[in-house]
Every structure is written in structure tokens, then in C-alpha cells.
Amino acid sequence: MLVLVLKTFEVTSAWAAAKIGTSIGSRIGTVVGGVLRTAIGAIAGVAIGH
């Protein structure tokens, strides 16, 4: 019985960690994507402006 509880806890915590990791990863991805888009837009604007 105890083994089953521990296994369930192990799987649940692994799943939770994966879920948290994914949401943090996508948030970081969104921020980095936004920064890159802004930088590319600024560079393109300067290049076109000159």
C-alpha cells in the first residue's frame, strides 16, 4: 500500500514539475520572442530609415 502511495506521489510530482516547467518555458519563450521581434523591428526601421 505504502509503495503505491509513494509511486503515485512520485508520478504526480513529476507531472506537476513538467507542467510548471512547460508554463515557465512558454512564458520565457513569449518574452524572448517579443524582445526579438522588437529588436528586429527596430533594426529594420533603422535600416529602412537610412
C-alpha atoms as a PDB file:
ATOM      1  CA  MET A   1       0.000   0.000   0.000  1.00  0.00           C
ATOM      2  CA  LEU A   2       2.743   2.447   1.003  1.00  0.00           C
ATOM      3  CA  VAL A   3       4.658   1.685  -2.201  1.00  0.00           C
ATOM      4  CA  LEU A   4       1.566   2.530  -4.257  1.00  0.00           C
ATOM      5  CA  VAL A   5       1.153   5.852  -2.409  1.00  0.00           C
ATOM      6  CA  LEU A   6       4.819   6.720  -2.930  1.00  0.00           C
ATOM      7  CA  LYS A   7       4.655   5.782  -6.627  1.00  0.00           C
ATOM      8  CA  THR A   8       1.511   7.878  -7.100  1.00  0.00           C
ATOM      9  CA  PHE A   9       3.170  10.822  -5.344  1.00  0.00           C
ATOM     10  CA  GLU A  10       6.293  10.395  -7.486  1.00  0.00           C
ATOM     11  CA  VAL A  11       4.281  10.408 -10.722  1.00  0.00           C
ATOM     12  CA  THR A  12       2.130  13.339  -9.570  1.00  0.00           C
ATOM     13  CA  SER A  13       5.136  15.451  -8.557  1.00  0.00           C
ATOM     14  CA  ALA A  14       6.904  14.620 -11.835  1.00  0.00           C
ATOM     15  CA  TRP A  15       3.759  15.595 -13.766  1.00  0.00           C
ATOM     16  CA  ALA A  16       3.422  18.825 -11.737  1.00  0.00           C
ATOM     17  CA  ALA A  17       7.092  19.673 -12.311  1.00  0.00           C
ATOM     18  CA  ALA A  18       6.701  19.071 -16.046  1.00  0.00           C
ATOM     19  CA  LYS A  19       3.561  21.211 -16.132  1.00  0.00           C
ATOM     20  CA  ILE A  20       5.228  24.073 -14.205  1.00  0.00           C
ATOM     21  CA  GLY A  21       8.344  23.754 -16.366  1.00  0.00           C
ATOM     22  CA  THR A  22       6.261  23.918 -19.541  1.00  0.00           C
ATOM     23  CA  SER A  23       4.326  27.012 -18.438  1.00  0.00           C
ATOM     24  CA  ILE A  24       7.529  28.784 -17.344  1.00  0.00           C
ATOM     25  CA  GLY A  25       9.193  27.747 -20.611  1.00  0.00           C
ATOM     26  CA  SER A  26       6.340  29.074 -22.751  1.00  0.00           C
ATOM     27  CA  ARG A  27       6.269  32.318 -20.756  1.00  0.00           C
ATOM     28  CA  ILE A  28      10.026  32.785 -21.246  1.00  0.00           C
ATOM     29  CA  GLY A  29       9.569  31.881 -24.929  1.00  0.00           C
ATOM     30  CA  THR A  30       6.869  34.536 -25.295  1.00  0.00           C
ATOM     31  CA  VAL A  31       9.052  37.183 -23.612  1.00  0.00           C
ATOM     32  CA  VAL A  32      12.126  36.268 -25.689  1.00  0.00           C
ATOM     33  CA  GLY A  33      10.003  36.204 -28.856  1.00  0.00           C
ATOM     34  CA  GLY A  34       8.607  39.645 -28.054  1.00  0.00           C
ATOM     35  CA  VAL A  35      12.081  41.060 -27.386  1.00  0.00           C
ATOM     36  CA  LEU A  36      13.432  39.545 -30.609  1.00  0.00           C
ATOM     37  CA  ARG A  37      10.515  40.900 -32.642  1.00  0.00           C
ATOM     38  CA  THR A  38      11.010  44.358 -31.132  1.00  0.00           C
ATOM     39  CA  ALA A  39      14.770  44.250 -31.805  1.00  0.00           C
ATOM     40  CA  ILE A  40      14.288  43.037 -35.383  1.00  0.00           C
ATOM     41  CA  GLY A  41      11.627  45.706 -35.927  1.00  0.00           C
ATOM     42  CA  ALA A  42      13.933  48.422 -34.571  1.00  0.00           C
ATOM     43  CA  ILE A  43      16.874  47.247 -36.716  1.00  0.00           C
ATOM     44  CA  ALA A  44      14.647  47.047 -39.803  1.00  0.00           C
ATOM     45  CA  GLY A  45      13.240  50.507 -39.068  1.00  0.00           C
ATOM     46  CA  VAL A  46      16.725  51.998 -38.742  1.00  0.00           C
ATOM     47  CA  ALA A  47      17.905  50.181 -41.899  1.00  0.00           C
ATOM     48  CA  ILE A  48      14.889  51.386 -43.894  1.00  0.00           C
ATOM     49  CA  GLY A  49      15.130  54.881 -42.389  1.00  0.00           C
ATOM     50  CA  HIS A  50      18.708  55.365 -43.504  1.00  0.00           C
END
